PDB file of N, CA and C in Angstrom:
ATOM      1  N   MET A   1     -51.979  95.744 -45.615  1.00  0.00           N
ATOM      2  CA  MET A   1     -51.415  94.712 -46.484  1.00  0.00           C
ATOM      3  C   MET A   1     -51.677  93.359 -45.835  1.00  0.00           C
ATOM      4  N   LYS A   2     -52.086  92.402 -46.663  1.00  0.00           N
ATOM      5  CA  LYS A   2     -52.296  91.028 -46.173  1.00  0.00           C
ATOM      6  C   LYS A   2     -51.338  90.099 -46.893  1.00  0.00           C
ATOM      7  N   ILE A   3     -50.794  89.192 -46.143  1.00  0.00           N
ATOM      8  CA  ILE A   3     -49.861  88.167 -46.678  1.00  0.00           C
ATOM      9  C   ILE A   3     -50.399  86.813 -46.256  1.00  0.00           C
ATOM     10  N   ASN A   4     -50.532  85.897 -47.169  1.00  0.00           N
ATOM     11  CA  ASN A   4     -51.007  84.553 -46.893  1.00  0.00           C
ATOM     12  C   ASN A   4     -49.795  83.624 -46.800  1.00  0.00           C
ATOM     13  N   LEU A   5     -49.820  82.687 -45.866  1.00  0.00           N
ATOM     14  CA  LEU A   5     -48.699  81.771 -45.708  1.00  0.00           C
ATOM     15  C   LEU A   5     -48.508  80.842 -46.901  1.00  0.00           C
ATOM     16  N   ASN A   6     -49.504  80.774 -47.774  1.00  0.00           N
ATOM     17  CA  ASN A   6     -49.379  79.973 -48.994  1.00  0.00           C
ATOM     18  C   ASN A   6     -48.746  80.779 -50.131  1.00  0.00           C
ATOM     19  N   ASP A   7     -48.556  82.102 -49.921  1.00  0.00           N
ATOM     20  CA  ASP A   7     -47.917  82.930 -50.945  1.00  0.00           C
ATOM     21  C   ASP A   7     -46.481  82.518 -51.185  1.00  0.00           C
ATOM     22  N   THR A   8     -46.034  82.801 -52.400  1.00  0.00           N
ATOM     23  CA  THR A   8     -44.674  82.435 -52.798  1.00  0.00           C
ATOM     24  C   THR A   8     -43.705  83.603 -52.600  1.00  0.00           C
ATOM     25  N   VAL A   9     -42.544  83.249 -52.057  1.00  0.00           N
ATOM     26  CA  VAL A   9     -41.466  84.234 -51.901  1.00  0.00           C
ATOM     27  C   VAL A   9     -40.226  83.671 -52.561  1.00  0.00           C
ATOM     28  N   LYS A  10     -39.303  84.541 -52.863  1.00  0.00           N
ATOM     29  CA  LYS A  10     -38.003  84.145 -53.432  1.00  0.00           C
ATOM     30  C   LYS A  10     -36.911  84.515 -52.456  1.00  0.00           C
ATOM     31  N   ILE A  11     -36.013  83.561 -52.222  1.00  0.00           N
ATOM     32  CA  ILE A  11     -34.872  83.800 -51.340  1.00  0.00           C
ATOM     33  C   ILE A  11     -33.619  83.349 -52.058  1.00  0.00           C
ATOM     34  N   ARG A  12     -32.498  83.868 -51.602  1.00  0.00           N
ATOM     35  CA  ARG A  12     -31.194  83.429 -52.119  1.00  0.00           C
ATOM     36  C   ARG A  12     -30.471  82.694 -50.976  1.00  0.00           C
ATOM     37  N   LEU A  13     -30.336  81.381 -51.120  1.00  0.00           N
ATOM     38  CA  LEU A  13     -29.655  80.571 -50.091  1.00  0.00           C
ATOM     39  C   LEU A  13     -28.176  80.954 -49.976  1.00  0.00           C
ATOM     40  N   THR A  14     -27.663  80.888 -48.799  1.00  0.00           N
ATOM     41  CA  THR A  14     -26.235  81.015 -48.580  1.00  0.00           C
ATOM     42  C   THR A  14     -25.613  79.611 -48.642  1.00  0.00           C
ATOM     43  N   ASN A  15     -24.296  79.520 -48.609  1.00  0.00           N
ATOM     44  CA  ASN A  15     -23.658  78.213 -48.563  1.00  0.00           C
ATOM     45  C   ASN A  15     -24.063  77.459 -47.312  1.00  0.00           C
ATOM     46  N   ALA A  16     -24.220  78.214 -46.195  1.00  0.00           N
ATOM     47  CA  ALA A  16     -24.679  77.578 -44.951  1.00  0.00           C
ATOM     48  C   ALA A  16     -26.089  77.019 -45.110  1.00  0.00           C
ATOM     49  N   GLY A  17     -26.933  77.683 -45.859  1.00  0.00           N
ATOM     50  CA  GLY A  17     -28.301  77.233 -46.092  1.00  0.00           C
ATOM     51  C   GLY A  17     -28.308  75.986 -46.967  1.00  0.00           C
ATOM     52  N   ARG A  18     -27.451  75.972 -47.977  1.00  0.00           N
ATOM     53  CA  ARG A  18     -27.391  74.777 -48.834  1.00  0.00           C
ATOM     54  C   ARG A  18     -26.885  73.567 -48.007  1.00  0.00           C
ATOM     55  N   LYS A  19     -25.890  73.812 -47.186  1.00  0.00           N
ATOM     56  CA  LYS A  19     -25.332  72.729 -46.336  1.00  0.00           C
ATOM     57  C   LYS A  19     -26.402  72.250 -45.357  1.00  0.00           C
ATOM     58  N   PHE A  20     -27.180  73.161 -44.778  1.00  0.00           N
ATOM     59  CA  PHE A  20     -28.249  72.800 -43.890  1.00  0.00           C
ATOM     60  C   PHE A  20     -29.262  71.887 -44.577  1.00  0.00           C
ATOM     61  N   LEU A  21     -29.668  72.259 -45.789  1.00  0.00           N
ATOM     62  CA  LEU A  21     -30.637  71.403 -46.519  1.00  0.00           C
ATOM     63  C   LEU A  21     -30.061  70.029 -46.844  1.00  0.00           C
ATOM     64  N   LEU A  22     -28.786  69.994 -47.276  1.00  0.00           N
ATOM     65  CA  LEU A  22     -28.164  68.697 -47.551  1.00  0.00           C
ATOM     66  C   LEU A  22     -28.043  67.842 -46.292  1.00  0.00           C
ATOM     67  N   ASP A  23     -27.629  68.470 -45.190  1.00  0.00           N
ATOM     68  CA  ASP A  23     -27.542  67.712 -43.917  1.00  0.00           C
ATOM     69  C   ASP A  23     -28.891  67.222 -43.445  1.00  0.00           C
ATOM     70  N   GLN A  24     -29.912  68.035 -43.585  1.00  0.00           N
ATOM     71  CA  GLN A  24     -31.245  67.673 -43.197  1.00  0.00           C
ATOM     72  C   GLN A  24     -31.737  66.467 -44.026  1.00  0.00           C
ATOM     73  N   HIS A  25     -31.469  66.518 -45.329  1.00  0.00           N
ATOM     74  CA  HIS A  25     -31.870  65.428 -46.215  1.00  0.00           C
ATOM     75  C   HIS A  25     -31.111  64.142 -45.887  1.00  0.00           C
ATOM     76  N   THR A  26     -29.830  64.245 -45.626  1.00  0.00           N
ATOM     77  CA  THR A  26     -29.030  63.064 -45.258  1.00  0.00           C
ATOM     78  C   THR A  26     -29.519  62.458 -43.963  1.00  0.00           C
ATOM     79  N   ALA A  27     -29.827  63.305 -42.966  1.00  0.00           N
ATOM     80  CA  ALA A  27     -30.306  62.776 -41.679  1.00  0.00           C
ATOM     81  C   ALA A  27     -31.656  62.050 -41.869  1.00  0.00           C
ATOM     82  N   TRP A  28     -32.511  62.611 -42.714  1.00  0.00           N
ATOM     83  CA  TRP A  28     -33.791  61.939 -42.965  1.00  0.00           C
ATOM     84  C   TRP A  28     -33.579  60.617 -43.670  1.00  0.00           C
ATOM     85  N   CYS A  29     -32.638  60.571 -44.619  1.00  0.00           N
ATOM     86  CA  CYS A  29     -32.334  59.315 -45.361  1.00  0.00           C
ATOM     87  C   CYS A  29     -31.849  58.224 -44.421  1.00  0.00           C
ATOM     88  N   MET A  30     -31.147  58.573 -43.390  1.00  0.00           N
ATOM     89  CA  MET A  30     -30.624  57.590 -42.432  1.00  0.00           C
ATOM     90  C   MET A  30     -31.739  56.878 -41.674  1.00  0.00           C
ATOM     91  N   THR A  31     -32.962  57.423 -41.711  1.00  0.00           N
ATOM     92  CA  THR A  31     -34.090  56.766 -41.014  1.00  0.00           C
ATOM     93  C   THR A  31     -34.780  55.759 -41.921  1.00  0.00           C
ATOM     94  N   LEU A  32     -34.347  55.678 -43.176  1.00  0.00           N
ATOM     95  CA  LEU A  32     -35.003  54.808 -44.152  1.00  0.00           C
ATOM     96  C   LEU A  32     -34.330  53.450 -44.239  1.00  0.00           C
ATOM     97  N   SER A  33     -35.004  52.497 -44.852  1.00  0.00           N
ATOM     98  CA  SER A  33     -34.392  51.196 -45.082  1.00  0.00           C
ATOM     99  C   SER A  33     -33.197  51.383 -46.046  1.00  0.00           C
ATOM    100  N   PRO A  34     -32.217  50.459 -46.007  1.00  0.00           N
ATOM    101  CA  PRO A  34     -31.017  50.654 -46.850  1.00  0.00           C
ATOM    102  C   PRO A  34     -31.312  50.825 -48.340  1.00  0.00           C
ATOM    103  N   THR A  35     -32.241  50.103 -48.898  1.00  0.00           N
ATOM    104  CA  THR A  35     -32.551  50.229 -50.332  1.00  0.00           C
ATOM    105  C   THR A  35     -33.151  51.576 -50.631  1.00  0.00           C
ATOM    106  N   THR A  36     -34.142  51.951 -49.837  1.00  0.00           N
ATOM    107  CA  THR A  36     -34.793  53.256 -50.023  1.00  0.00           C
ATOM    108  C   THR A  36     -33.801  54.390 -49.769  1.00  0.00           C
ATOM    109  N   ARG A  37     -32.972  54.234 -48.751  1.00  0.00           N
ATOM    110  CA  ARG A  37     -31.969  55.255 -48.432  1.00  0.00           C
ATOM    111  C   ARG A  37     -31.038  55.508 -49.619  1.00  0.00           C
ATOM    112  N   GLU A  38     -30.587  54.437 -50.253  1.00  0.00           N
ATOM    113  CA  GLU A  38     -29.674  54.588 -51.389  1.00  0.00           C
ATOM    114  C   GLU A  38     -30.316  55.397 -52.498  1.00  0.00           C
ATOM    115  N   ASN A  39     -31.585  55.101 -52.787  1.00  0.00           N
ATOM    116  CA  ASN A  39     -32.292  55.849 -53.836  1.00  0.00           C
ATOM    117  C   ASN A  39     -32.474  57.326 -53.451  1.00  0.00           C
ATOM    118  N   GLN A  40     -32.824  57.580 -52.210  1.00  0.00           N
ATOM    119  CA  GLN A  40     -33.089  58.965 -51.764  1.00  0.00           C
ATOM    120  C   GLN A  40     -31.778  59.755 -51.669  1.00  0.00           C
ATOM    121  N   LEU A  41     -30.689  59.125 -51.278  1.00  0.00           N
ATOM    122  CA  LEU A  41     -29.421  59.863 -51.167  1.00  0.00           C
ATOM    123  C   LEU A  41     -28.932  60.336 -52.561  1.00  0.00           C
ATOM    124  N   ALA A  42     -29.367  59.647 -53.600  1.00  0.00           N
ATOM    125  CA  ALA A  42     -29.013  60.057 -54.960  1.00  0.00           C
ATOM    126  C   ALA A  42     -29.778  61.286 -55.420  1.00  0.00           C
ATOM    127  N   PHE A  43     -30.907  61.575 -54.736  1.00  0.00           N
ATOM    128  CA  PHE A  43     -31.761  62.699 -55.073  1.00  0.00           C
ATOM    129  C   PHE A  43     -31.116  63.996 -54.530  1.00  0.00           C
ATOM    130  N   ASN A  44     -31.109  65.037 -55.327  1.00  0.00           N
ATOM    131  CA  ASN A  44     -30.578  66.332 -54.894  1.00  0.00           C
ATOM    132  C   ASN A  44     -31.689  67.155 -54.261  1.00  0.00           C
ATOM    133  N   PRO A  45     -31.645  67.417 -52.955  1.00  0.00           N
ATOM    134  CA  PRO A  45     -32.739  68.113 -52.275  1.00  0.00           C
ATOM    135  C   PRO A  45     -32.706  69.643 -52.448  1.00  0.00           C
ATOM    136  N   LEU A  46     -31.665  70.172 -53.068  1.00  0.00           N
ATOM    137  CA  LEU A  46     -31.564  71.626 -53.193  1.00  0.00           C
ATOM    138  C   LEU A  46     -32.610  72.150 -54.193  1.00  0.00           C
ATOM    139  N   PRO A  47     -33.242  73.262 -53.894  1.00  0.00           N
ATOM    140  CA  PRO A  47     -34.243  73.815 -54.781  1.00  0.00           C
ATOM    141  C   PRO A  47     -33.603  74.394 -56.041  1.00  0.00           C
ATOM    142  N   LYS A  48     -34.354  74.416 -57.113  1.00  0.00           N
ATOM    143  CA  LYS A  48     -33.875  75.011 -58.370  1.00  0.00           C
ATOM    144  C   LYS A  48     -33.732  76.522 -58.174  1.00  0.00           C
ATOM    145  N   GLU A  49     -32.599  77.055 -58.631  1.00  0.00           N
ATOM    146  CA  GLU A  49     -32.317  78.485 -58.515  1.00  0.00           C
ATOM    147  C   GLU A  49     -32.376  79.138 -59.868  1.00  0.00           C
ATOM    148  N   ASP A  50     -32.867  80.390 -59.909  1.00  0.00           N
ATOM    149  CA  ASP A  50     -32.884  81.120 -61.167  1.00  0.00           C
ATOM    150  C   ASP A  50     -31.507  81.700 -61.457  1.00  0.00           C
ATOM    151  N   ASP A  51     -31.395  82.455 -62.519  1.00  0.00           N
ATOM    152  CA  ASP A  51     -30.094  82.997 -62.927  1.00  0.00           C
ATOM    153  C   ASP A  51     -29.465  83.945 -61.902  1.00  0.00           C
ATOM    154  N   ASP A  52     -30.296  84.509 -61.038  1.00  0.00           N
ATOM    155  CA  ASP A  52     -29.799  85.420 -59.980  1.00  0.00           C
ATOM    156  C   ASP A  52     -29.554  84.699 -58.658  1.00  0.00           C
ATOM    157  N   GLY A  53     -29.755  83.370 -58.666  1.00  0.00           N
ATOM    158  CA  GLY A  53     -29.503  82.590 -57.458  1.00  0.00           C
ATOM    159  C   GLY A  53     -30.680  82.481 -56.497  1.00  0.00           C
ATOM    160  N   TYR A  54     -31.860  82.945 -56.911  1.00  0.00           N
ATOM    161  CA  TYR A  54     -33.038  82.879 -56.049  1.00  0.00           C
ATOM    162  C   TYR A  54     -33.811  81.573 -56.284  1.00  0.00           C
ATOM    163  N   SER A  55     -34.383  81.045 -55.215  1.00  0.00           N
ATOM    164  CA  SER A  55     -35.277  79.910 -55.294  1.00  0.00           C
ATOM    165  C   SER A  55     -36.621  80.289 -54.717  1.00  0.00           C
ATOM    166  N   LYS A  56     -37.670  79.604 -55.202  1.00  0.00           N
ATOM    167  CA  LYS A  56     -39.044  79.930 -54.778  1.00  0.00           C
ATOM    168  C   LYS A  56     -39.488  79.001 -53.681  1.00  0.00           C
ATOM    169  N   TRP A  57     -40.171  79.583 -52.712  1.00  0.00           N
ATOM    170  CA  TRP A  57     -40.706  78.839 -51.563  1.00  0.00           C
ATOM    171  C   TRP A  57     -42.082  79.401 -51.206  1.00  0.00           C
ATOM    172  N   GLN A  58     -42.984  78.493 -50.781  1.00  0.00           N
ATOM    173  CA  GLN A  58     -44.163  78.986 -50.122  1.00  0.00           C
ATOM    174  C   GLN A  58     -43.719  79.407 -48.727  1.00  0.00           C
ATOM    175  N   MET A  59     -44.304  80.498 -48.231  1.00  0.00           N
ATOM    176  CA  MET A  59     -43.855  81.038 -46.930  1.00  0.00           C
ATOM    177  C   MET A  59     -43.925  79.991 -45.829  1.00  0.00           C
ATOM    178  N   HIS A  60     -44.998  79.196 -45.779  1.00  0.00           N
ATOM    179  CA  HIS A  60     -45.084  78.195 -44.690  1.00  0.00           C
ATOM    180  C   HIS A  60     -43.995  77.158 -44.810  1.00  0.00           C
ATOM    181  N   CYS A  61     -43.563  76.800 -46.000  1.00  0.00           N
ATOM    182  CA  CYS A  61     -42.460  75.842 -46.178  1.00  0.00           C
ATOM    183  C   CYS A  61     -41.147  76.452 -45.748  1.00  0.00           C
ATOM    184  N   LEU A  62     -40.953  77.728 -46.071  1.00  0.00           N
ATOM    185  CA  LEU A  62     -39.730  78.438 -45.647  1.00  0.00           C
ATOM    186  C   LEU A  62     -39.636  78.469 -44.127  1.00  0.00           C
ATOM    187  N   PHE A  63     -40.768  78.803 -43.455  1.00  0.00           N
ATOM    188  CA  PHE A  63     -40.768  78.845 -42.005  1.00  0.00           C
ATOM    189  C   PHE A  63     -40.560  77.482 -41.400  1.00  0.00           C
ATOM    190  N   SER A  64     -41.216  76.476 -41.982  1.00  0.00           N
ATOM    191  CA  SER A  64     -41.108  75.109 -41.471  1.00  0.00           C
ATOM    192  C   SER A  64     -39.680  74.572 -41.599  1.00  0.00           C
ATOM    193  N   THR A  65     -39.077  74.849 -42.743  1.00  0.00           N
ATOM    194  CA  THR A  65     -37.724  74.323 -43.032  1.00  0.00           C
ATOM    195  C   THR A  65     -36.657  75.019 -42.210  1.00  0.00           C
ATOM    196  N   PHE A  66     -36.698  76.332 -42.147  1.00  0.00           N
ATOM    197  CA  PHE A  66     -35.586  77.067 -41.552  1.00  0.00           C
ATOM    198  C   PHE A  66     -35.918  77.734 -40.211  1.00  0.00           C
ATOM    199  N   GLY A  67     -37.167  77.769 -39.815  1.00  0.00           N
ATOM    200  CA  GLY A  67     -37.640  78.567 -38.659  1.00  0.00           C
ATOM    201  C   GLY A  67     -36.817  78.416 -37.421  1.00  0.00           C
ATOM    202  N   SER A  68     -36.558  77.188 -36.961  1.00  0.00           N
ATOM    203  CA  SER A  68     -35.858  76.996 -35.706  1.00  0.00           C
ATOM    204  C   SER A  68     -34.354  77.284 -35.839  1.00  0.00           C
ATOM    205  N   ASN A  69     -33.907  77.565 -37.038  1.00  0.00           N
ATOM    206  CA  ASN A  69     -32.483  77.835 -37.268  1.00  0.00           C
ATOM    207  C   ASN A  69     -32.247  79.272 -37.704  1.00  0.00           C
ATOM    208  N   ILE A  70     -33.219  80.138 -37.468  1.00  0.00           N
ATOM    209  CA  ILE A  70     -33.061  81.548 -37.740  1.00  0.00           C
ATOM    210  C   ILE A  70     -32.932  82.267 -36.415  1.00  0.00           C
ATOM    211  N   SER A  71     -31.805  82.858 -36.189  1.00  0.00           N
ATOM    212  CA  SER A  71     -31.514  83.503 -34.913  1.00  0.00           C
ATOM    213  C   SER A  71     -30.369  84.501 -35.097  1.00  0.00           C
ATOM    214  N   MET A  72     -30.305  85.443 -34.228  1.00  0.00           N
ATOM    215  CA  MET A  72     -29.212  86.436 -34.275  1.00  0.00           C
ATOM    216  C   MET A  72     -27.851  85.757 -34.056  1.00  0.00           C
ATOM    217  N   CYS A  73     -27.837  84.608 -33.409  1.00  0.00           N
ATOM    218  CA  CYS A  73     -26.571  83.967 -33.055  1.00  0.00           C
ATOM    219  C   CYS A  73     -26.161  82.867 -34.009  1.00  0.00           C
ATOM    220  N   LEU A  74     -26.942  82.594 -35.031  1.00  0.00           N
ATOM    221  CA  LEU A  74     -26.658  81.523 -35.962  1.00  0.00           C
ATOM    222  C   LEU A  74     -26.286  82.074 -37.333  1.00  0.00           C
ATOM    223  N   PRO A  75     -25.556  81.285 -38.136  1.00  0.00           N
ATOM    224  CA  PRO A  75     -25.213  81.745 -39.478  1.00  0.00           C
ATOM    225  C   PRO A  75     -26.489  81.955 -40.298  1.00  0.00           C
ATOM    226  N   LEU A  76     -26.448  82.949 -41.205  1.00  0.00           N
ATOM    227  CA  LEU A  76     -27.577  83.179 -42.104  1.00  0.00           C
ATOM    228  C   LEU A  76     -27.701  82.006 -43.070  1.00  0.00           C
ATOM    229  N   LEU A  77     -28.905  81.465 -43.195  1.00  0.00           N
ATOM    230  CA  LEU A  77     -29.135  80.362 -44.106  1.00  0.00           C
ATOM    231  C   LEU A  77     -29.603  80.850 -45.458  1.00  0.00           C
ATOM    232  N   PHE A  78     -30.098  82.092 -45.495  1.00  0.00           N
ATOM    233  CA  PHE A  78     -30.473  82.749 -46.756  1.00  0.00           C
ATOM    234  C   PHE A  78     -30.349  84.262 -46.548  1.00  0.00           C
ATOM    235  N   ASP A  79     -30.153  84.969 -47.653  1.00  0.00           N
ATOM    236  CA  ASP A  79     -30.003  86.425 -47.574  1.00  0.00           C
ATOM    237  C   ASP A  79     -31.248  87.006 -46.915  1.00  0.00           C
ATOM    238  N   THR A  80     -31.047  88.114 -46.223  1.00  0.00           N
ATOM    239  CA  THR A  80     -32.147  88.715 -45.463  1.00  0.00           C
ATOM    240  C   THR A  80     -33.168  89.443 -46.348  1.00  0.00           C
ATOM    241  N   ASN A  81     -32.855  89.689 -47.625  1.00  0.00           N
ATOM    242  CA  ASN A  81     -33.845  90.274 -48.528  1.00  0.00           C
ATOM    243  C   ASN A  81     -34.693  89.177 -49.112  1.00  0.00           C
ATOM    244  N   ILE A  82     -36.006  89.271 -48.910  1.00  0.00           N
ATOM    245  CA  ILE A  82     -36.978  88.296 -49.407  1.00  0.00           C
ATOM    246  C   ILE A  82     -37.838  88.986 -50.425  1.00  0.00           C
ATOM    247  N   ILE A  83     -38.025  88.363 -51.587  1.00  0.00           N
ATOM    248  CA  ILE A  83     -38.870  88.942 -52.655  1.00  0.00           C
ATOM    249  C   ILE A  83     -40.229  88.283 -52.560  1.00  0.00           C
ATOM    250  N   TYR A  84     -41.245  89.126 -52.397  1.00  0.00           N
ATOM    251  CA  TYR A  84     -42.615  88.653 -52.338  1.00  0.00           C
ATOM    252  C   TYR A  84     -43.189  88.585 -53.714  1.00  0.00           C
ATOM    253  N   GLU A  85     -43.624  87.385 -54.154  1.00  0.00           N
ATOM    254  CA  GLU A  85     -44.000  87.172 -55.547  1.00  0.00           C
ATOM    255  C   GLU A  85     -45.498  87.332 -55.807  1.00  0.00           C
ATOM    256  N   ASP A  86     -46.364  86.918 -54.861  1.00  0.00           N
ATOM    257  CA  ASP A  86     -47.784  86.804 -55.162  1.00  0.00           C
ATOM    258  C   ASP A  86     -48.541  88.111 -55.122  1.00  0.00           C
ATOM    259  N   GLY A  87     -47.968  89.134 -54.635  1.00  0.00           N
ATOM    260  CA  GLY A  87     -48.632  90.399 -54.548  1.00  0.00           C
ATOM    261  C   GLY A  87     -47.647  91.531 -54.727  1.00  0.00           C
ATOM    262  N   GLN A  88     -48.079  92.704 -54.456  1.00  0.00           N
ATOM    263  CA  GLN A  88     -47.174  93.877 -54.582  1.00  0.00           C
ATOM    264  C   GLN A  88     -46.960  94.477 -53.207  1.00  0.00           C
ATOM    265  N   TRP A  89     -45.753  94.830 -52.903  1.00  0.00           N
ATOM    266  CA  TRP A  89     -45.441  95.532 -51.677  1.00  0.00           C
ATOM    267  C   TRP A  89     -45.118  96.932 -52.007  1.00  0.00           C
TER     268      TRP A  89
END
């Protein structure tokens, strides 16, 4: 089986994952000028979720966004079941 890092997967964020994304977005906004910051803070950074609560991510984006915060000692940021969309497992 081959998996490409550009392939799409679906994950279900936990509340901790949603908070992580919001905190990450807010921290980034604080690096911007006041006018730009105000506009960006109004933007909702959370991904669109389907009726079952899953959001789509390219695997490299998922790793880049959450990678350093995935550990046995940290809260789960998304459910451990990942749905692979671009191929069949």
